Amino acid sequence: MIGIDVVDIGEIDEKKLTRILSPIEKEYLDKSTNSDRRREVMAGIFACKEAVFKALECDSLGLEILKDIDDKNIIVLFTEA
C-alpha cells in the first residue's frame, strides 16, 4: 500500500511533539536554530514515524528517525523495555 502523509507545519505544537522525540532526535532538532526550520524538522519526524506505524500496523515498537551523512532518514526500530 502506498500513501501520503501531510503535516500542516503551521499546526505543529512543539511542546507536544517533543514528548515523542528520542534524545537523539531532540539533539538533531536542537541543531536547528531557526524556528521555521525546527517546525519543518519536527513535522518530518512526526510524518515519518506515523507512516512507519501505519505501515507496520503496530505502535508498541520504539522508533527513531536518524539522519545519515547525506541527511537522509534512517529508521531504527527497537522493542521498548
N, C-alpha and C. Protein backbone atom coordinates (compact mmCIF):
# COMPACT_ATOMS: atom_id res chain seq x y z
N MET A 1 0.84 -1.17 0.00
CA MET A 1 0.00 0.00 0.00
C MET A 1 0.89 1.25 0.00
N ILE A 2 0.51 2.20 -0.80
CA ILE A 2 1.24 3.47 -0.87
C ILE A 2 0.31 4.58 -0.39
N GLY A 3 0.84 5.47 0.40
CA GLY A 3 0.04 6.58 0.89
C GLY A 3 0.88 7.82 1.03
N ILE A 4 0.21 8.90 1.30
CA ILE A 4 0.89 10.18 1.51
C ILE A 4 0.44 10.74 2.85
N ASP A 5 1.39 11.12 3.66
CA ASP A 5 1.08 11.78 4.93
C ASP A 5 1.39 13.26 4.78
N VAL A 6 0.43 14.08 5.12
CA VAL A 6 0.59 15.52 5.04
C VAL A 6 0.51 16.09 6.45
N VAL A 7 1.49 16.89 6.80
CA VAL A 7 1.51 17.53 8.11
C VAL A 7 1.51 19.04 7.89
N ASP A 8 0.56 19.73 8.50
CA ASP A 8 0.49 21.18 8.41
C ASP A 8 1.52 21.76 9.37
N ILE A 9 2.60 22.27 8.82
CA ILE A 9 3.70 22.78 9.65
C ILE A 9 3.22 23.89 10.57
N GLY A 10 2.26 24.67 10.13
CA GLY A 10 1.72 25.75 10.96
C GLY A 10 0.98 25.25 12.18
N GLU A 11 0.57 23.99 12.16
CA GLU A 11 -0.18 23.41 13.28
C GLU A 11 0.72 22.68 14.27
N ILE A 12 2.02 22.67 14.03
CA ILE A 12 2.94 21.93 14.89
C ILE A 12 2.99 22.58 16.26
N ASP A 13 2.74 21.77 17.28
CA ASP A 13 2.85 22.22 18.68
C ASP A 13 4.14 21.63 19.23
N GLU A 14 5.16 22.45 19.32
CA GLU A 14 6.49 21.97 19.71
C GLU A 14 6.48 21.28 21.07
N LYS A 15 5.75 21.80 22.03
CA LYS A 15 5.73 21.19 23.36
C LYS A 15 5.17 19.78 23.32
N LYS A 16 4.10 19.57 22.54
CA LYS A 16 3.51 18.23 22.45
C LYS A 16 4.42 17.28 21.68
N LEU A 17 4.97 17.75 20.57
CA LEU A 17 5.76 16.86 19.73
C LEU A 17 7.08 16.47 20.36
N THR A 18 7.67 17.32 21.16
CA THR A 18 8.95 16.94 21.75
C THR A 18 8.81 15.77 22.71
N ARG A 19 7.59 15.48 23.16
CA ARG A 19 7.38 14.32 24.02
C ARG A 19 7.57 13.00 23.27
N ILE A 20 7.38 13.01 21.95
CA ILE A 20 7.53 11.76 21.19
C ILE A 20 8.92 11.62 20.58
N LEU A 21 9.77 12.60 20.80
CA LEU A 21 11.11 12.55 20.23
C LEU A 21 12.07 11.81 21.16
N SER A 22 12.96 11.04 20.57
CA SER A 22 14.01 10.38 21.34
C SER A 22 15.09 11.41 21.66
N PRO A 23 15.99 11.08 22.58
CA PRO A 23 17.09 12.02 22.87
C PRO A 23 17.92 12.36 21.62
N ILE A 24 18.14 11.40 20.75
CA ILE A 24 18.92 11.64 19.54
C ILE A 24 18.16 12.56 18.60
N GLU A 25 16.84 12.35 18.48
CA GLU A 25 16.02 13.22 17.64
C GLU A 25 15.99 14.64 18.20
N LYS A 26 15.91 14.77 19.51
CA LYS A 26 15.92 16.09 20.14
C LYS A 26 17.24 16.80 19.88
N GLU A 27 18.33 16.04 19.93
CA GLU A 27 19.65 16.62 19.67
C GLU A 27 19.72 17.15 18.23
N TYR A 28 19.19 16.39 17.28
CA TYR A 28 19.16 16.83 15.88
C TYR A 28 18.30 18.09 15.75
N LEU A 29 17.16 18.09 16.43
CA LEU A 29 16.25 19.23 16.39
C LEU A 29 16.92 20.48 16.97
N ASP A 30 17.67 20.31 18.04
CA ASP A 30 18.33 21.44 18.69
C ASP A 30 19.38 22.11 17.80
N LYS A 31 19.84 21.40 16.77
CA LYS A 31 20.80 21.99 15.83
C LYS A 31 20.11 23.00 14.91
N SER A 32 18.78 22.92 14.85
CA SER A 32 18.01 23.85 14.01
C SER A 32 17.65 25.07 14.85
N THR A 33 18.38 26.14 14.65
CA THR A 33 18.14 27.34 15.47
C THR A 33 17.01 28.19 14.92
N ASN A 34 16.74 28.12 13.63
CA ASN A 34 15.67 28.87 13.01
C ASN A 34 14.33 28.22 13.37
N SER A 35 13.37 28.98 13.88
CA SER A 35 12.11 28.40 14.35
C SER A 35 11.32 27.74 13.23
N ASP A 36 11.37 28.30 12.01
CA ASP A 36 10.69 27.67 10.88
C ASP A 36 11.32 26.33 10.55
N ARG A 37 12.64 26.28 10.58
CA ARG A 37 13.35 25.02 10.30
C ARG A 37 13.04 23.99 11.37
N ARG A 38 12.95 24.41 12.63
CA ARG A 38 12.62 23.47 13.72
C ARG A 38 11.25 22.84 13.47
N ARG A 39 10.29 23.65 13.04
CA ARG A 39 8.95 23.12 12.74
C ARG A 39 9.00 22.13 11.58
N GLU A 40 9.80 22.42 10.57
CA GLU A 40 9.95 21.51 9.44
C GLU A 40 10.54 20.18 9.89
N VAL A 41 11.57 20.24 10.72
CA VAL A 41 12.22 19.03 11.21
C VAL A 41 11.23 18.20 12.04
N MET A 42 10.51 18.86 12.94
CA MET A 42 9.52 18.14 13.77
C MET A 42 8.43 17.52 12.91
N ALA A 43 7.95 18.27 11.94
CA ALA A 43 6.89 17.75 11.06
C ALA A 43 7.40 16.54 10.29
N GLY A 44 8.63 16.60 9.82
CA GLY A 44 9.20 15.48 9.08
C GLY A 44 9.35 14.24 9.93
N ILE A 45 9.84 14.41 11.15
CA ILE A 45 10.00 13.27 12.06
C ILE A 45 8.63 12.68 12.40
N PHE A 46 7.66 13.55 12.71
CA PHE A 46 6.32 13.08 13.03
C PHE A 46 5.70 12.31 11.88
N ALA A 47 5.77 12.86 10.67
CA ALA A 47 5.17 12.21 9.50
C ALA A 47 5.84 10.86 9.22
N CYS A 48 7.15 10.81 9.37
CA CYS A 48 7.87 9.56 9.13
C CYS A 48 7.47 8.50 10.16
N LYS A 49 7.42 8.88 11.43
CA LYS A 49 7.02 7.93 12.47
C LYS A 49 5.59 7.44 12.24
N GLU A 50 4.70 8.36 11.93
CA GLU A 50 3.31 7.99 11.70
C GLU A 50 3.19 7.02 10.53
N ALA A 51 3.93 7.27 9.46
CA ALA A 51 3.89 6.39 8.28
C ALA A 51 4.39 4.99 8.61
N VAL A 52 5.47 4.91 9.39
CA VAL A 52 6.01 3.59 9.75
C VAL A 52 5.02 2.83 10.62
N PHE A 53 4.46 3.50 11.62
CA PHE A 53 3.49 2.82 12.48
C PHE A 53 2.26 2.36 11.70
N LYS A 54 1.80 3.16 10.76
CA LYS A 54 0.66 2.77 9.93
C LYS A 54 1.02 1.57 9.06
N ALA A 55 2.20 1.60 8.45
CA ALA A 55 2.62 0.52 7.56
C ALA A 55 2.78 -0.80 8.32
N LEU A 56 3.30 -0.73 9.52
CA LEU A 56 3.53 -1.94 10.33
C LEU A 56 2.30 -2.34 11.13
N GLU A 57 1.31 -1.44 11.17
CA GLU A 57 0.10 -1.66 11.97
C GLU A 57 0.46 -2.06 13.40
N CYS A 58 1.41 -1.34 13.95
CA CYS A 58 1.89 -1.64 15.29
C CYS A 58 2.42 -0.35 15.92
N ASP A 59 2.04 -0.11 17.16
CA ASP A 59 2.58 1.07 17.83
C ASP A 59 3.31 0.72 19.12
N SER A 60 3.63 -0.58 19.28
CA SER A 60 4.31 -0.98 20.51
C SER A 60 5.82 -1.05 20.34
N LEU A 61 6.32 -0.66 19.19
CA LEU A 61 7.76 -0.65 18.97
C LEU A 61 8.32 0.73 19.26
N GLY A 62 9.57 0.76 19.67
CA GLY A 62 10.27 2.04 19.75
C GLY A 62 10.73 2.41 18.35
N LEU A 63 10.78 3.66 18.07
CA LEU A 63 11.12 4.11 16.73
C LEU A 63 11.90 5.40 16.80
N GLU A 64 13.02 5.43 16.11
CA GLU A 64 13.81 6.66 15.99
C GLU A 64 14.04 6.96 14.52
N ILE A 65 14.01 8.22 14.20
CA ILE A 65 14.33 8.68 12.85
C ILE A 65 15.68 9.39 12.94
N LEU A 66 16.70 8.77 12.39
CA LEU A 66 18.04 9.34 12.41
C LEU A 66 18.39 9.85 11.03
N LYS A 67 19.51 10.50 10.90
CA LYS A 67 19.97 11.03 9.61
C LYS A 67 21.33 10.45 9.27
N ASP A 68 21.52 10.12 7.97
CA ASP A 68 22.84 9.68 7.54
C ASP A 68 23.66 10.91 7.12
N ILE A 69 24.84 10.67 6.61
CA ILE A 69 25.72 11.81 6.29
C ILE A 69 25.17 12.67 5.15
N ASP A 70 24.24 12.12 4.37
CA ASP A 70 23.61 12.88 3.29
C ASP A 70 22.28 13.48 3.72
N ASP A 71 21.99 13.45 5.03
CA ASP A 71 20.76 13.99 5.61
C ASP A 71 19.51 13.22 5.18
N LYS A 72 19.68 11.94 4.84
CA LYS A 72 18.55 11.07 4.50
C LYS A 72 18.11 10.33 5.76
N ASN A 73 16.81 10.03 5.84
CA ASN A 73 16.28 9.36 7.02
C ASN A 73 16.76 7.92 7.13
N ILE A 74 17.06 7.53 8.35
CA ILE A 74 17.34 6.15 8.70
C ILE A 74 16.32 5.80 9.78
N ILE A 75 15.58 4.74 9.56
CA ILE A 75 14.54 4.34 10.51
C ILE A 75 15.10 3.23 11.38
N VAL A 76 15.05 3.43 12.69
CA VAL A 76 15.54 2.45 13.65
C VAL A 76 14.36 1.98 14.49
N LEU A 77 14.09 0.68 14.45
CA LEU A 77 13.03 0.08 15.25
C LEU A 77 13.64 -0.71 16.39
N PHE A 78 13.02 -0.67 17.55
CA PHE A 78 13.51 -1.47 18.68
C PHE A 78 12.33 -1.77 19.60
N THR A 79 12.47 -2.82 20.38
CA THR A 79 11.43 -3.14 21.36
C THR A 79 11.65 -2.29 22.58
N GLU A 80 10.58 -1.81 23.14
CA GLU A 80 10.70 -0.97 24.33
C GLU A 80 10.78 -1.84 25.57
N ALA A 81 11.65 -1.46 26.48
CA ALA A 81 11.85 -2.25 27.69
C ALA A 81 10.74 -1.97 28.71
